[in-house]
Amino acid sequence: MTSRPQPKRTRKLPGERRSEIVEAAAGLALGEGLEMITLRRVADELAVRPGLISHYFPVADHLVSEAFTYATTKERESLLPPQERDRAPVDRLAHFLVELADGDHLDLSRLWLNARHLSRFKEPLRQAVRAAETVTRTALVALIDEGVRAGDFTTGDALKAALHILIAVDGLGAYVNDDSAPQGPDIRDVAIETAETRLGLAPGTLRAHARPEPRPAGPAAAR
């Protein structure tokens, strides 16, 4: 009886392996919480030895902070897509806020809430949270400034307007784990209405601009 030859394992490049570890940790963070990120648990997810994880991340707290950064960077890129900078500022802001209100972002809202709590005790995570907040705030201020120049928005202080909007977004996220919190369009639209008030937009403007353009009828629609 001859033994079946075992398939050769392909050794991954260090950068590829590191990215794989961070992505697996981010998946754990989104699904179960940042507390579940341990070197052994990530090793189990990837079916490798824990020693491989510790080779790249000797300190688990550093993996926790990188997993948070990875997940929130993906979130920001989906809400403020870099490839859509040619769209009107009002359209991009509408996408950002309406997606947060209506889209499938509950796991990410839980992650932010989780990270802000744990960052009290974990310095690398505290730095990661601050960095992510700064990048998002800077991007939103730039978007508002662009909208003012284009005539989409009216405000004398883009930073103040951005802070009001983001505080409203964070306030909505604070209810993510509370099933008894008030539901319905009133609470979901707090950040949208805040933006419209701070930026001189008529009520309903952002939801109107977030609606997808109708597809043409006929054979062309299938392309």
N, C-alpha and C. Protein backbone atom coordinates (compact mmCIF):
# COMPACT_ATOMS: atom_id res chain seq x y z
N MET A 1 0.85 -1.19 0.00
CA MET A 1 0.00 0.00 0.00
C MET A 1 0.89 1.23 0.00
N THR A 2 0.71 2.06 -0.98
CA THR A 2 1.55 3.26 -1.10
C THR A 2 0.82 4.45 -0.49
N SER A 3 1.60 5.28 0.17
CA SER A 3 1.00 6.47 0.79
C SER A 3 0.78 7.55 -0.26
N ARG A 4 -0.27 8.29 -0.10
CA ARG A 4 -0.58 9.37 -1.04
C ARG A 4 0.37 10.53 -0.80
N PRO A 5 0.97 11.06 -1.85
CA PRO A 5 1.90 12.18 -1.66
C PRO A 5 1.16 13.40 -1.11
N GLN A 6 1.77 14.06 -0.13
CA GLN A 6 1.18 15.25 0.48
C GLN A 6 1.42 16.47 -0.41
N PRO A 7 0.39 17.31 -0.57
CA PRO A 7 0.58 18.52 -1.38
C PRO A 7 1.60 19.44 -0.75
N LYS A 8 2.37 20.09 -1.59
CA LYS A 8 3.39 21.00 -1.09
C LYS A 8 2.73 22.29 -0.60
N ARG A 9 3.18 22.76 0.55
CA ARG A 9 2.68 24.03 1.04
C ARG A 9 3.47 25.16 0.39
N THR A 10 2.75 26.17 -0.06
CA THR A 10 3.41 27.31 -0.67
C THR A 10 3.71 28.34 0.41
N ARG A 11 4.96 28.69 0.52
CA ARG A 11 5.35 29.69 1.52
C ARG A 11 4.95 31.08 1.01
N LYS A 12 4.19 31.78 1.80
CA LYS A 12 3.72 33.11 1.38
C LYS A 12 4.78 34.15 1.68
N LEU A 13 4.78 35.18 0.87
CA LEU A 13 5.69 36.29 1.10
C LEU A 13 5.31 36.98 2.41
N PRO A 14 6.29 37.55 3.11
CA PRO A 14 6.00 38.17 4.42
C PRO A 14 4.87 39.20 4.38
N GLY A 15 4.88 40.05 3.36
CA GLY A 15 3.83 41.07 3.27
C GLY A 15 2.47 40.46 3.07
N GLU A 16 2.40 39.40 2.26
CA GLU A 16 1.14 38.71 2.00
C GLU A 16 0.65 38.02 3.26
N ARG A 17 1.54 37.37 3.97
CA ARG A 17 1.16 36.67 5.20
C ARG A 17 0.69 37.66 6.27
N ARG A 18 1.38 38.77 6.39
CA ARG A 18 1.01 39.78 7.39
C ARG A 18 -0.39 40.33 7.10
N SER A 19 -0.64 40.61 5.83
CA SER A 19 -1.96 41.13 5.44
C SER A 19 -3.05 40.11 5.74
N GLU A 20 -2.75 38.84 5.50
CA GLU A 20 -3.71 37.77 5.77
C GLU A 20 -4.05 37.71 7.26
N ILE A 21 -3.04 37.88 8.10
CA ILE A 21 -3.25 37.85 9.55
C ILE A 21 -4.13 39.01 9.99
N VAL A 22 -3.82 40.21 9.48
CA VAL A 22 -4.59 41.40 9.86
C VAL A 22 -6.04 41.28 9.39
N GLU A 23 -6.23 40.77 8.18
CA GLU A 23 -7.58 40.61 7.65
C GLU A 23 -8.38 39.60 8.48
N ALA A 24 -7.75 38.51 8.88
CA ALA A 24 -8.44 37.52 9.71
C ALA A 24 -8.80 38.12 11.06
N ALA A 25 -7.90 38.90 11.63
CA ALA A 25 -8.17 39.53 12.91
C ALA A 25 -9.31 40.55 12.78
N ALA A 26 -9.34 41.27 11.69
CA ALA A 26 -10.43 42.24 11.46
C ALA A 26 -11.77 41.52 11.36
N GLY A 27 -11.78 40.36 10.71
CA GLY A 27 -13.01 39.57 10.63
C GLY A 27 -13.51 39.15 12.01
N LEU A 28 -12.58 38.76 12.88
CA LEU A 28 -12.95 38.42 14.25
C LEU A 28 -13.49 39.64 14.99
N ALA A 29 -12.84 40.77 14.79
CA ALA A 29 -13.27 41.99 15.47
C ALA A 29 -14.69 42.38 15.08
N LEU A 30 -14.98 42.29 13.79
CA LEU A 30 -16.31 42.66 13.30
C LEU A 30 -17.38 41.67 13.75
N GLY A 31 -17.02 40.40 13.76
CA GLY A 31 -18.01 39.38 14.08
C GLY A 31 -18.21 39.13 15.56
N GLU A 32 -17.12 39.25 16.34
CA GLU A 32 -17.20 38.84 17.75
C GLU A 32 -16.66 39.86 18.73
N GLY A 33 -15.95 40.87 18.24
CA GLY A 33 -15.41 41.89 19.13
C GLY A 33 -13.90 41.87 19.20
N LEU A 34 -13.32 43.02 19.50
CA LEU A 34 -11.87 43.14 19.56
C LEU A 34 -11.26 42.27 20.66
N GLU A 35 -12.05 42.00 21.72
CA GLU A 35 -11.54 41.17 22.82
C GLU A 35 -11.21 39.75 22.36
N MET A 36 -11.82 39.31 21.26
CA MET A 36 -11.61 37.94 20.79
C MET A 36 -10.33 37.77 19.99
N ILE A 37 -9.64 38.87 19.73
CA ILE A 37 -8.39 38.77 18.96
C ILE A 37 -7.26 38.36 19.89
N THR A 38 -6.89 37.10 19.79
CA THR A 38 -5.70 36.58 20.47
C THR A 38 -4.85 35.90 19.42
N LEU A 39 -3.57 35.72 19.72
CA LEU A 39 -2.69 35.08 18.74
C LEU A 39 -3.17 33.67 18.44
N ARG A 40 -3.63 32.94 19.46
CA ARG A 40 -4.09 31.57 19.23
C ARG A 40 -5.36 31.55 18.40
N ARG A 41 -6.29 32.47 18.68
CA ARG A 41 -7.56 32.46 17.95
C ARG A 41 -7.34 32.80 16.48
N VAL A 42 -6.48 33.75 16.20
CA VAL A 42 -6.19 34.09 14.80
C VAL A 42 -5.48 32.93 14.11
N ALA A 43 -4.59 32.27 14.84
CA ALA A 43 -3.91 31.10 14.28
C ALA A 43 -4.92 30.01 13.92
N ASP A 44 -5.91 29.80 14.79
CA ASP A 44 -6.95 28.81 14.50
C ASP A 44 -7.74 29.19 13.24
N GLU A 45 -8.03 30.48 13.09
CA GLU A 45 -8.79 30.94 11.93
C GLU A 45 -8.03 30.65 10.63
N LEU A 46 -6.71 30.76 10.70
CA LEU A 46 -5.89 30.58 9.50
C LEU A 46 -5.30 29.17 9.38
N ALA A 47 -5.60 28.33 10.38
CA ALA A 47 -5.08 26.96 10.40
C ALA A 47 -3.55 26.94 10.34
N VAL A 48 -2.93 27.78 11.17
CA VAL A 48 -1.47 27.82 11.27
C VAL A 48 -1.09 27.73 12.75
N ARG A 49 0.20 27.64 13.01
CA ARG A 49 0.66 27.59 14.39
C ARG A 49 0.65 28.99 15.01
N PRO A 50 0.34 29.10 16.29
CA PRO A 50 0.36 30.41 16.95
C PRO A 50 1.71 31.11 16.83
N GLY A 51 2.78 30.31 16.76
CA GLY A 51 4.11 30.91 16.64
C GLY A 51 4.27 31.74 15.38
N LEU A 52 3.54 31.37 14.31
CA LEU A 52 3.61 32.15 13.07
C LEU A 52 2.99 33.53 13.29
N ILE A 53 1.89 33.57 14.04
CA ILE A 53 1.25 34.86 14.30
C ILE A 53 2.16 35.72 15.18
N SER A 54 2.75 35.12 16.20
CA SER A 54 3.61 35.90 17.11
C SER A 54 4.89 36.35 16.41
N HIS A 55 5.28 35.69 15.35
CA HIS A 55 6.45 36.13 14.58
C HIS A 55 6.18 37.52 13.98
N TYR A 56 4.96 37.74 13.51
CA TYR A 56 4.60 39.03 12.92
C TYR A 56 4.08 40.01 13.96
N PHE A 57 3.43 39.49 14.99
CA PHE A 57 2.85 40.34 16.03
C PHE A 57 3.20 39.78 17.41
N PRO A 58 4.40 40.07 17.91
CA PRO A 58 4.78 39.57 19.23
C PRO A 58 3.86 40.05 20.34
N VAL A 59 3.25 41.24 20.14
CA VAL A 59 2.33 41.79 21.12
C VAL A 59 0.92 41.81 20.52
N ALA A 60 -0.02 41.12 21.16
CA ALA A 60 -1.36 41.00 20.61
C ALA A 60 -2.05 42.35 20.45
N ASP A 61 -1.75 43.31 21.35
CA ASP A 61 -2.39 44.62 21.27
C ASP A 61 -2.09 45.33 19.95
N HIS A 62 -0.93 45.07 19.39
CA HIS A 62 -0.59 45.69 18.10
C HIS A 62 -1.43 45.08 16.97
N LEU A 63 -1.73 43.80 17.07
CA LEU A 63 -2.60 43.18 16.08
C LEU A 63 -4.03 43.71 16.23
N VAL A 64 -4.48 43.92 17.45
CA VAL A 64 -5.81 44.48 17.69
C VAL A 64 -5.94 45.85 17.03
N SER A 65 -4.94 46.70 17.22
CA SER A 65 -5.01 48.05 16.66
C SER A 65 -4.94 48.03 15.14
N GLU A 66 -4.15 47.13 14.57
CA GLU A 66 -4.07 47.06 13.10
C GLU A 66 -5.35 46.48 12.51
N ALA A 67 -5.96 45.55 13.22
CA ALA A 67 -7.24 45.00 12.74
C ALA A 67 -8.31 46.09 12.73
N PHE A 68 -8.35 46.92 13.77
CA PHE A 68 -9.30 48.04 13.81
C PHE A 68 -9.02 49.00 12.64
N THR A 69 -7.77 49.33 12.43
CA THR A 69 -7.43 50.26 11.34
C THR A 69 -7.82 49.69 9.99
N TYR A 70 -7.58 48.41 9.79
CA TYR A 70 -7.94 47.76 8.53
C TYR A 70 -9.44 47.86 8.28
N ALA A 71 -10.24 47.50 9.29
CA ALA A 71 -11.70 47.49 9.13
C ALA A 71 -12.24 48.89 8.89
N THR A 72 -11.75 49.88 9.64
CA THR A 72 -12.28 51.23 9.50
C THR A 72 -11.81 51.90 8.21
N THR A 73 -10.64 51.51 7.72
CA THR A 73 -10.20 52.03 6.43
C THR A 73 -11.09 51.52 5.32
N LYS A 74 -11.44 50.24 5.37
CA LYS A 74 -12.37 49.68 4.39
C LYS A 74 -13.72 50.39 4.45
N GLU A 75 -14.17 50.67 5.68
CA GLU A 75 -15.45 51.37 5.85
C GLU A 75 -15.38 52.75 5.20
N ARG A 76 -14.33 53.50 5.50
CA ARG A 76 -14.20 54.86 4.96
C ARG A 76 -14.14 54.85 3.44
N GLU A 77 -13.44 53.89 2.88
CA GLU A 77 -13.32 53.81 1.42
C GLU A 77 -14.64 53.45 0.76
N SER A 78 -15.51 52.73 1.49
CA SER A 78 -16.82 52.40 0.91
C SER A 78 -17.79 53.58 1.04
N LEU A 79 -17.63 54.38 2.10
CA LEU A 79 -18.53 55.50 2.32
C LEU A 79 -18.10 56.77 1.58
N LEU A 80 -16.79 56.94 1.44
CA LEU A 80 -16.23 58.08 0.71
C LEU A 80 -15.26 57.54 -0.34
N PRO A 81 -15.78 56.89 -1.37
CA PRO A 81 -14.91 56.21 -2.33
C PRO A 81 -13.94 57.18 -3.01
N PRO A 82 -12.62 56.92 -2.93
CA PRO A 82 -11.65 57.82 -3.57
C PRO A 82 -11.86 57.94 -5.08
N GLN A 83 -12.37 56.87 -5.70
CA GLN A 83 -12.54 56.88 -7.16
C GLN A 83 -13.74 57.71 -7.59
N GLU A 84 -14.51 58.23 -6.64
CA GLU A 84 -15.70 59.02 -6.99
C GLU A 84 -15.52 60.50 -6.67
N ARG A 85 -14.28 60.96 -6.64
CA ARG A 85 -14.02 62.36 -6.32
C ARG A 85 -14.51 63.31 -7.40
N ASP A 86 -14.82 62.79 -8.59
CA ASP A 86 -15.33 63.66 -9.65
C ASP A 86 -16.83 63.92 -9.51
N ARG A 87 -17.51 63.20 -8.60
CA ARG A 87 -18.94 63.43 -8.38
C ARG A 87 -19.14 64.73 -7.59
N ALA A 88 -20.32 65.31 -7.70
CA ALA A 88 -20.64 66.54 -6.99
C ALA A 88 -20.52 66.31 -5.48
N PRO A 89 -20.00 67.30 -4.74
CA PRO A 89 -19.86 67.14 -3.28
C PRO A 89 -21.16 66.75 -2.58
N VAL A 90 -22.29 67.32 -3.01
CA VAL A 90 -23.56 67.00 -2.36
C VAL A 90 -23.93 65.53 -2.58
N ASP A 91 -23.57 64.98 -3.74
CA ASP A 91 -23.84 63.57 -4.00
C ASP A 91 -22.98 62.67 -3.12
N ARG A 92 -21.72 63.06 -2.96
CA ARG A 92 -20.81 62.25 -2.14
C ARG A 92 -21.18 62.30 -0.67
N LEU A 93 -21.58 63.48 -0.19
CA LEU A 93 -22.02 63.58 1.19
C LEU A 93 -23.30 62.78 1.41
N ALA A 94 -24.20 62.83 0.43
CA ALA A 94 -25.44 62.07 0.52
C ALA A 94 -25.14 60.58 0.62
N HIS A 95 -24.22 60.09 -0.19
CA HIS A 95 -23.85 58.67 -0.15
C HIS A 95 -23.29 58.31 1.23
N PHE A 96 -22.42 59.14 1.74
CA PHE A 96 -21.78 58.91 3.03
C PHE A 96 -22.82 58.78 4.15
N LEU A 97 -23.72 59.74 4.25
CA LEU A 97 -24.65 59.78 5.38
C LEU A 97 -25.83 58.82 5.22
N VAL A 98 -26.34 58.69 4.01
CA VAL A 98 -27.49 57.80 3.82
C VAL A 98 -27.06 56.35 3.95
N GLU A 99 -25.86 56.01 3.48
CA GLU A 99 -25.35 54.65 3.67
C GLU A 99 -25.19 54.33 5.16
N LEU A 100 -24.70 55.31 5.93
CA LEU A 100 -24.56 55.09 7.36
C LEU A 100 -25.92 54.89 8.03
N ALA A 101 -26.92 55.62 7.55
CA ALA A 101 -28.25 55.52 8.14
C ALA A 101 -28.97 54.24 7.74
N ASP A 102 -28.85 53.88 6.47
CA ASP A 102 -29.65 52.77 5.94
C ASP A 102 -28.87 51.52 5.62
N GLY A 103 -27.56 51.66 5.45
CA GLY A 103 -26.76 50.55 4.95
C GLY A 103 -26.45 49.51 6.01
N ASP A 104 -25.70 48.52 5.60
CA ASP A 104 -25.36 47.40 6.48
C ASP A 104 -24.06 47.72 7.21
N HIS A 105 -24.15 48.63 8.18
CA HIS A 105 -22.95 49.06 8.89
C HIS A 105 -23.05 48.81 10.39
N LEU A 106 -23.95 47.92 10.80
CA LEU A 106 -24.11 47.66 12.22
C LEU A 106 -22.85 47.08 12.84
N ASP A 107 -22.20 46.14 12.15
CA ASP A 107 -20.98 45.54 12.69
C ASP A 107 -19.90 46.59 12.89
N LEU A 108 -19.80 47.52 11.94
CA LEU A 108 -18.78 48.56 12.05
C LEU A 108 -19.13 49.55 13.16
N SER A 109 -20.42 49.84 13.33
CA SER A 109 -20.82 50.71 14.45
C SER A 109 -20.46 50.06 15.78
N ARG A 110 -20.70 48.75 15.87
CA ARG A 110 -20.32 48.02 17.09
C ARG A 110 -18.81 48.04 17.29
N LEU A 111 -18.07 47.93 16.20
CA LEU A 111 -16.61 47.94 16.30
C LEU A 111 -16.12 49.28 16.84
N TRP A 112 -16.67 50.38 16.34
CA TRP A 112 -16.27 51.71 16.83
C TRP A 112 -16.59 51.83 18.33
N LEU A 113 -17.77 51.41 18.72
CA LEU A 113 -18.17 51.49 20.13
C LEU A 113 -17.22 50.65 20.99
N ASN A 114 -16.94 49.45 20.52
CA ASN A 114 -16.04 48.52 21.19
C ASN A 114 -14.64 49.12 21.32
N ALA A 115 -14.15 49.70 20.23
CA ALA A 115 -12.79 50.25 20.21
C ALA A 115 -12.65 51.46 21.14
N ARG A 116 -13.67 52.31 21.16
CA ARG A 116 -13.59 53.49 22.03
C ARG A 116 -13.56 53.08 23.50
N HIS A 117 -14.28 52.02 23.84
CA HIS A 117 -14.25 51.55 25.23
C HIS A 117 -12.88 50.93 25.55
N LEU A 118 -12.42 50.02 24.72
CA LEU A 118 -11.16 49.33 25.00
C LEU A 118 -9.95 50.25 24.92
N SER A 119 -10.06 51.31 24.15
CA SER A 119 -8.90 52.21 23.98
C SER A 119 -8.53 52.91 25.29
N ARG A 120 -9.42 52.87 26.25
CA ARG A 120 -9.08 53.41 27.58
C ARG A 120 -7.94 52.61 28.21
N PHE A 121 -7.83 51.35 27.83
CA PHE A 121 -6.88 50.45 28.49
C PHE A 121 -5.74 50.01 27.57
N LYS A 122 -5.85 50.29 26.27
CA LYS A 122 -4.86 49.80 25.31
C LYS A 122 -4.32 50.98 24.52
N GLU A 123 -3.09 51.37 24.79
CA GLU A 123 -2.51 52.55 24.15
C GLU A 123 -2.41 52.42 22.63
N PRO A 124 -1.97 51.28 22.08
CA PRO A 124 -1.91 51.18 20.61
C PRO A 124 -3.29 51.36 19.97
N LEU A 125 -4.33 50.83 20.62
CA LEU A 125 -5.68 50.98 20.08
C LEU A 125 -6.14 52.43 20.21
N ARG A 126 -5.79 53.09 21.31
CA ARG A 126 -6.16 54.50 21.47
C ARG A 126 -5.56 55.34 20.34
N GLN A 127 -4.31 55.07 20.00
CA GLN A 127 -3.67 55.80 18.90
C GLN A 127 -4.35 55.49 17.57
N ALA A 128 -4.75 54.24 17.38
CA ALA A 128 -5.41 53.85 16.12
C ALA A 128 -6.77 54.52 16.00
N VAL A 129 -7.51 54.60 17.11
CA VAL A 129 -8.82 55.26 17.08
C VAL A 129 -8.66 56.73 16.75
N ARG A 130 -7.70 57.38 17.38
CA ARG A 130 -7.47 58.80 17.12
C ARG A 130 -7.08 59.03 15.67
N ALA A 131 -6.22 58.15 15.16
CA ALA A 131 -5.78 58.31 13.76
C ALA A 131 -6.95 58.14 12.80
N ALA A 132 -7.79 57.14 13.05
CA ALA A 132 -8.94 56.91 12.17
C ALA A 132 -9.91 58.08 12.23
N GLU A 133 -10.14 58.61 13.42
CA GLU A 133 -11.02 59.77 13.57
C GLU A 133 -10.46 60.97 12.81
N THR A 134 -9.15 61.16 12.90
CA THR A 134 -8.53 62.30 12.23
C THR A 134 -8.65 62.19 10.71
N VAL A 135 -8.42 61.00 10.17
CA VAL A 135 -8.51 60.82 8.72
C VAL A 135 -9.93 61.07 8.23
N THR A 136 -10.91 60.52 8.94
CA THR A 136 -12.31 60.72 8.54
C THR A 136 -12.71 62.19 8.65
N ARG A 137 -12.33 62.83 9.76
CA ARG A 137 -12.66 64.24 9.95
C ARG A 137 -12.02 65.11 8.87
N THR A 138 -10.76 64.83 8.55
CA THR A 138 -10.07 65.60 7.51
C THR A 138 -10.73 65.43 6.16
N ALA A 139 -11.13 64.20 5.84
CA ALA A 139 -11.79 63.93 4.56
C ALA A 139 -13.14 64.65 4.48
N LEU A 140 -13.88 64.66 5.59
CA LEU A 140 -15.20 65.31 5.59
C LEU A 140 -15.05 66.83 5.49
N VAL A 141 -14.07 67.40 6.19
CA VAL A 141 -13.83 68.84 6.09
C VAL A 141 -13.47 69.22 4.66
N ALA A 142 -12.61 68.42 4.02
CA ALA A 142 -12.23 68.70 2.64
C ALA A 142 -13.43 68.62 1.72
N LEU A 143 -14.31 67.65 1.95
CA LEU A 143 -15.52 67.51 1.14
C LEU A 143 -16.43 68.71 1.31
N ILE A 144 -16.59 69.17 2.55
CA ILE A 144 -17.44 70.33 2.81
C ILE A 144 -16.85 71.58 2.18
N ASP A 145 -15.54 71.77 2.33
CA ASP A 145 -14.89 72.93 1.71
C ASP A 145 -15.10 72.92 0.19
N GLU A 146 -14.96 71.75 -0.40
CA GLU A 146 -15.16 71.62 -1.84
C GLU A 146 -16.61 71.97 -2.21
N GLY A 147 -17.54 71.51 -1.37
CA GLY A 147 -18.95 71.80 -1.62
C GLY A 147 -19.28 73.28 -1.51
N VAL A 148 -18.61 73.97 -0.57
CA VAL A 148 -18.81 75.42 -0.44
C VAL A 148 -18.32 76.12 -1.70
N ARG A 149 -17.14 75.72 -2.18
CA ARG A 149 -16.59 76.34 -3.40
C ARG A 149 -17.48 76.07 -4.61
N ALA A 150 -18.10 74.88 -4.64
CA ALA A 150 -18.95 74.52 -5.77
C ALA A 150 -20.35 75.12 -5.68
N GLY A 151 -20.66 75.71 -4.52
CA GLY A 151 -22.00 76.27 -4.33
C GLY A 151 -23.03 75.28 -3.83
N ASP A 152 -22.59 74.06 -3.48
CA ASP A 152 -23.51 73.05 -2.96
C ASP A 152 -23.89 73.34 -1.51
N PHE A 153 -22.92 73.82 -0.72
CA PHE A 153 -23.12 74.02 0.72
C PHE A 153 -22.91 75.47 1.10
N THR A 154 -23.50 75.85 2.23
CA THR A 154 -23.29 77.18 2.79
C THR A 154 -22.89 77.02 4.26
N THR A 155 -21.66 77.39 4.57
CA THR A 155 -21.18 77.37 5.95
C THR A 155 -19.95 78.25 6.05
N GLY A 156 -19.81 78.89 7.20
CA GLY A 156 -18.63 79.71 7.42
C GLY A 156 -17.53 78.97 8.14
N ASP A 157 -17.78 77.73 8.52
CA ASP A 157 -16.80 76.97 9.29
C ASP A 157 -16.96 75.49 8.96
N ALA A 158 -16.16 75.01 8.02
CA ALA A 158 -16.28 73.62 7.57
C ALA A 158 -15.93 72.64 8.68
N LEU A 159 -14.93 72.98 9.49
CA LEU A 159 -14.53 72.08 10.57
C LEU A 159 -15.65 71.94 11.59
N LYS A 160 -16.27 73.05 11.97
CA LYS A 160 -17.36 73.00 12.95
C LYS A 160 -18.53 72.19 12.40
N ALA A 161 -18.85 72.39 11.13
CA ALA A 161 -19.95 71.63 10.51
C ALA A 161 -19.62 70.14 10.51
N ALA A 162 -18.39 69.79 10.16
CA ALA A 162 -17.98 68.38 10.13
C ALA A 162 -18.07 67.76 11.52
N LEU A 163 -17.66 68.50 12.55
CA LEU A 163 -17.72 67.97 13.91
C LEU A 163 -19.17 67.73 14.34
N HIS A 164 -20.06 68.65 14.01
CA HIS A 164 -21.47 68.44 14.35
C HIS A 164 -22.01 67.18 13.68
N ILE A 165 -21.66 66.99 12.41
CA ILE A 165 -22.14 65.82 11.66
C ILE A 165 -21.60 64.53 12.27
N LEU A 166 -20.30 64.52 12.56
CA LEU A 166 -19.68 63.30 13.09
C LEU A 166 -20.16 62.98 14.50
N ILE A 167 -20.42 64.01 15.30
CA ILE A 167 -20.97 63.76 16.64
C ILE A 167 -22.36 63.14 16.52
N ALA A 168 -23.14 63.59 15.54
CA ALA A 168 -24.46 63.00 15.32
C ALA A 168 -24.33 61.54 14.87
N VAL A 169 -23.36 61.27 14.00
CA VAL A 169 -23.12 59.89 13.55
C VAL A 169 -22.73 59.01 14.74
N ASP A 170 -21.83 59.51 15.59
CA ASP A 170 -21.40 58.74 16.76
C ASP A 170 -22.55 58.53 17.74
N GLY A 171 -23.40 59.54 17.88
CA GLY A 171 -24.55 59.41 18.76
C GLY A 171 -25.49 58.31 18.31
N LEU A 172 -25.69 58.21 17.01
CA LEU A 172 -26.53 57.14 16.47
C LEU A 172 -25.89 55.78 16.72
N GLY A 173 -24.56 55.72 16.57
CA GLY A 173 -23.84 54.46 16.80
C GLY A 173 -23.90 54.00 18.24
N ALA A 174 -24.14 54.93 19.17
CA ALA A 174 -24.20 54.56 20.58
C ALA A 174 -25.39 53.66 20.89
N TYR A 175 -26.39 53.65 20.00
CA TYR A 175 -27.58 52.83 20.22
C TYR A 175 -27.47 51.44 19.58
N VAL A 176 -26.34 51.15 18.96
CA VAL A 176 -26.26 49.95 18.12
C VAL A 176 -26.50 48.66 18.89
N ASN A 177 -26.17 48.63 20.18
CA ASN A 177 -26.35 47.42 20.98
C ASN A 177 -27.63 47.45 21.82
N ASP A 178 -28.46 48.47 21.62
CA ASP A 178 -29.65 48.64 22.46
C ASP A 178 -30.91 48.39 21.65
N ASP A 179 -31.49 47.20 21.83
CA ASP A 179 -32.69 46.85 21.09
C ASP A 179 -33.90 47.70 21.49
N SER A 180 -33.83 48.34 22.67
CA SER A 180 -34.96 49.14 23.12
C SER A 180 -34.87 50.58 22.67
N ALA A 181 -33.79 50.93 21.94
CA ALA A 181 -33.62 52.31 21.48
C ALA A 181 -34.72 52.66 20.49
N PRO A 182 -35.10 53.93 20.43
CA PRO A 182 -36.14 54.33 19.48
C PRO A 182 -35.73 54.03 18.06
N GLN A 183 -36.66 53.48 17.27
CA GLN A 183 -36.36 53.09 15.91
C GLN A 183 -37.14 53.97 14.92
N GLY A 184 -36.84 53.78 13.64
CA GLY A 184 -37.59 54.50 12.62
C GLY A 184 -36.76 55.60 11.99
N PRO A 185 -37.33 56.26 10.98
CA PRO A 185 -36.58 57.24 10.22
C PRO A 185 -36.13 58.44 11.04
N ASP A 186 -36.86 58.79 12.15
CA ASP A 186 -36.49 59.96 12.93
C ASP A 186 -35.08 59.83 13.50
N ILE A 187 -34.79 58.71 14.16
CA ILE A 187 -33.47 58.54 14.76
C ILE A 187 -32.41 58.25 13.70
N ARG A 188 -32.77 57.51 12.66
CA ARG A 188 -31.79 57.20 11.62
C ARG A 188 -31.34 58.46 10.89
N ASP A 189 -32.23 59.44 10.80
CA ASP A 189 -31.92 60.62 10.00
C ASP A 189 -31.30 61.76 10.80
N VAL A 190 -30.91 61.52 12.05
CA VAL A 190 -30.35 62.59 12.86
C VAL A 190 -29.12 63.21 12.20
N ALA A 191 -28.19 62.37 11.75
CA ALA A 191 -26.97 62.90 11.13
C ALA A 191 -27.28 63.59 9.80
N ILE A 192 -28.22 63.03 9.04
CA ILE A 192 -28.60 63.63 7.76
C ILE A 192 -29.21 65.01 8.00
N GLU A 193 -30.12 65.10 8.95
CA GLU A 193 -30.77 66.38 9.23
C GLU A 193 -29.78 67.39 9.81
N THR A 194 -28.83 66.90 10.61
CA THR A 194 -27.79 67.78 11.14
C THR A 194 -26.97 68.38 10.00
N ALA A 195 -26.59 67.54 9.04
CA ALA A 195 -25.81 68.01 7.90
C ALA A 195 -26.59 69.04 7.09
N GLU A 196 -27.84 68.77 6.84
CA GLU A 196 -28.66 69.70 6.05
C GLU A 196 -28.79 71.05 6.77
N THR A 197 -28.95 71.01 8.08
CA THR A 197 -29.07 72.25 8.85
C THR A 197 -27.76 73.03 8.85
N ARG A 198 -26.65 72.34 9.08
CA ARG A 198 -25.35 73.01 9.18
C ARG A 198 -24.85 73.51 7.83
N LEU A 199 -25.30 72.89 6.75
CA LEU A 199 -24.76 73.22 5.42
C LEU A 199 -25.75 73.98 4.54
N GLY A 200 -26.85 74.44 5.14
CA GLY A 200 -27.79 75.26 4.40
C GLY A 200 -28.55 74.53 3.31
N LEU A 201 -28.82 73.26 3.52
CA LEU A 201 -29.56 72.46 2.54
C LEU A 201 -31.02 72.32 2.95
N ALA A 202 -31.89 72.29 1.97
CA ALA A 202 -33.31 72.10 2.26
C ALA A 202 -33.53 70.69 2.79
N PRO A 203 -34.49 70.52 3.71
CA PRO A 203 -34.79 69.18 4.23
C PRO A 203 -35.10 68.20 3.08
N GLY A 204 -34.52 67.02 3.17
CA GLY A 204 -34.75 66.00 2.14
C GLY A 204 -33.75 66.02 1.01
N THR A 205 -32.87 67.04 0.99
CA THR A 205 -31.91 67.16 -0.11
C THR A 205 -30.99 65.95 -0.20
N LEU A 206 -30.43 65.53 0.92
CA LEU A 206 -29.43 64.46 0.87
C LEU A 206 -30.04 63.12 0.51
N ARG A 207 -31.22 62.83 1.01
CA ARG A 207 -31.86 61.57 0.60
C ARG A 207 -32.20 61.61 -0.88
N ALA A 208 -32.60 62.75 -1.39
CA ALA A 208 -32.91 62.86 -2.82
C ALA A 208 -31.66 62.63 -3.66
N HIS A 209 -30.53 63.15 -3.21
CA HIS A 209 -29.29 63.00 -3.97
C HIS A 209 -28.67 61.61 -3.82
N ALA A 210 -29.10 60.88 -2.81
CA ALA A 210 -28.55 59.53 -2.62
C ALA A 210 -29.27 58.49 -3.43
N ARG A 211 -30.40 58.82 -4.00
CA ARG A 211 -31.15 57.83 -4.77
C ARG A 211 -30.38 57.47 -6.02
N PRO A 212 -30.29 56.17 -6.34
CA PRO A 212 -29.59 55.77 -7.56
C PRO A 212 -30.31 56.26 -8.80
N GLU A 213 -29.53 56.60 -9.81
CA GLU A 213 -30.15 57.02 -11.07
C GLU A 213 -30.91 55.86 -11.69
N PRO A 214 -32.11 56.13 -12.23
CA PRO A 214 -32.89 55.03 -12.86
C PRO A 214 -32.16 54.45 -14.05
N ARG A 215 -32.21 53.14 -14.18
CA ARG A 215 -31.57 52.48 -15.32
C ARG A 215 -32.43 52.62 -16.57
N PRO A 216 -31.81 52.78 -17.71
CA PRO A 216 -32.61 52.89 -18.93
C PRO A 216 -33.35 51.60 -19.22
N ALA A 217 -34.56 51.74 -19.79
CA ALA A 217 -35.35 50.56 -20.14
C ALA A 217 -34.82 49.95 -21.44
N GLY A 218 -35.16 48.69 -21.64
CA GLY A 218 -34.78 48.05 -22.90
C GLY A 218 -33.50 47.27 -22.82
N PRO A 219 -32.99 46.82 -23.98
CA PRO A 219 -31.79 45.96 -24.00
C PRO A 219 -30.58 46.60 -23.38
N ALA A 220 -30.47 47.93 -23.45
CA ALA A 220 -29.28 48.61 -22.92
C ALA A 220 -29.14 48.40 -21.42
N ALA A 221 -30.29 48.20 -20.75
CA ALA A 221 -30.24 48.04 -19.29
C ALA A 221 -29.54 46.76 -18.89
N ALA A 222 -29.47 45.80 -19.77
CA ALA A 222 -28.84 44.51 -19.43
C ALA A 222 -27.34 44.55 -19.57
N ARG A 223 -26.79 45.60 -20.15
CA ARG A 223 -25.36 45.63 -20.38
C ARG A 223 -24.59 45.95 -19.11
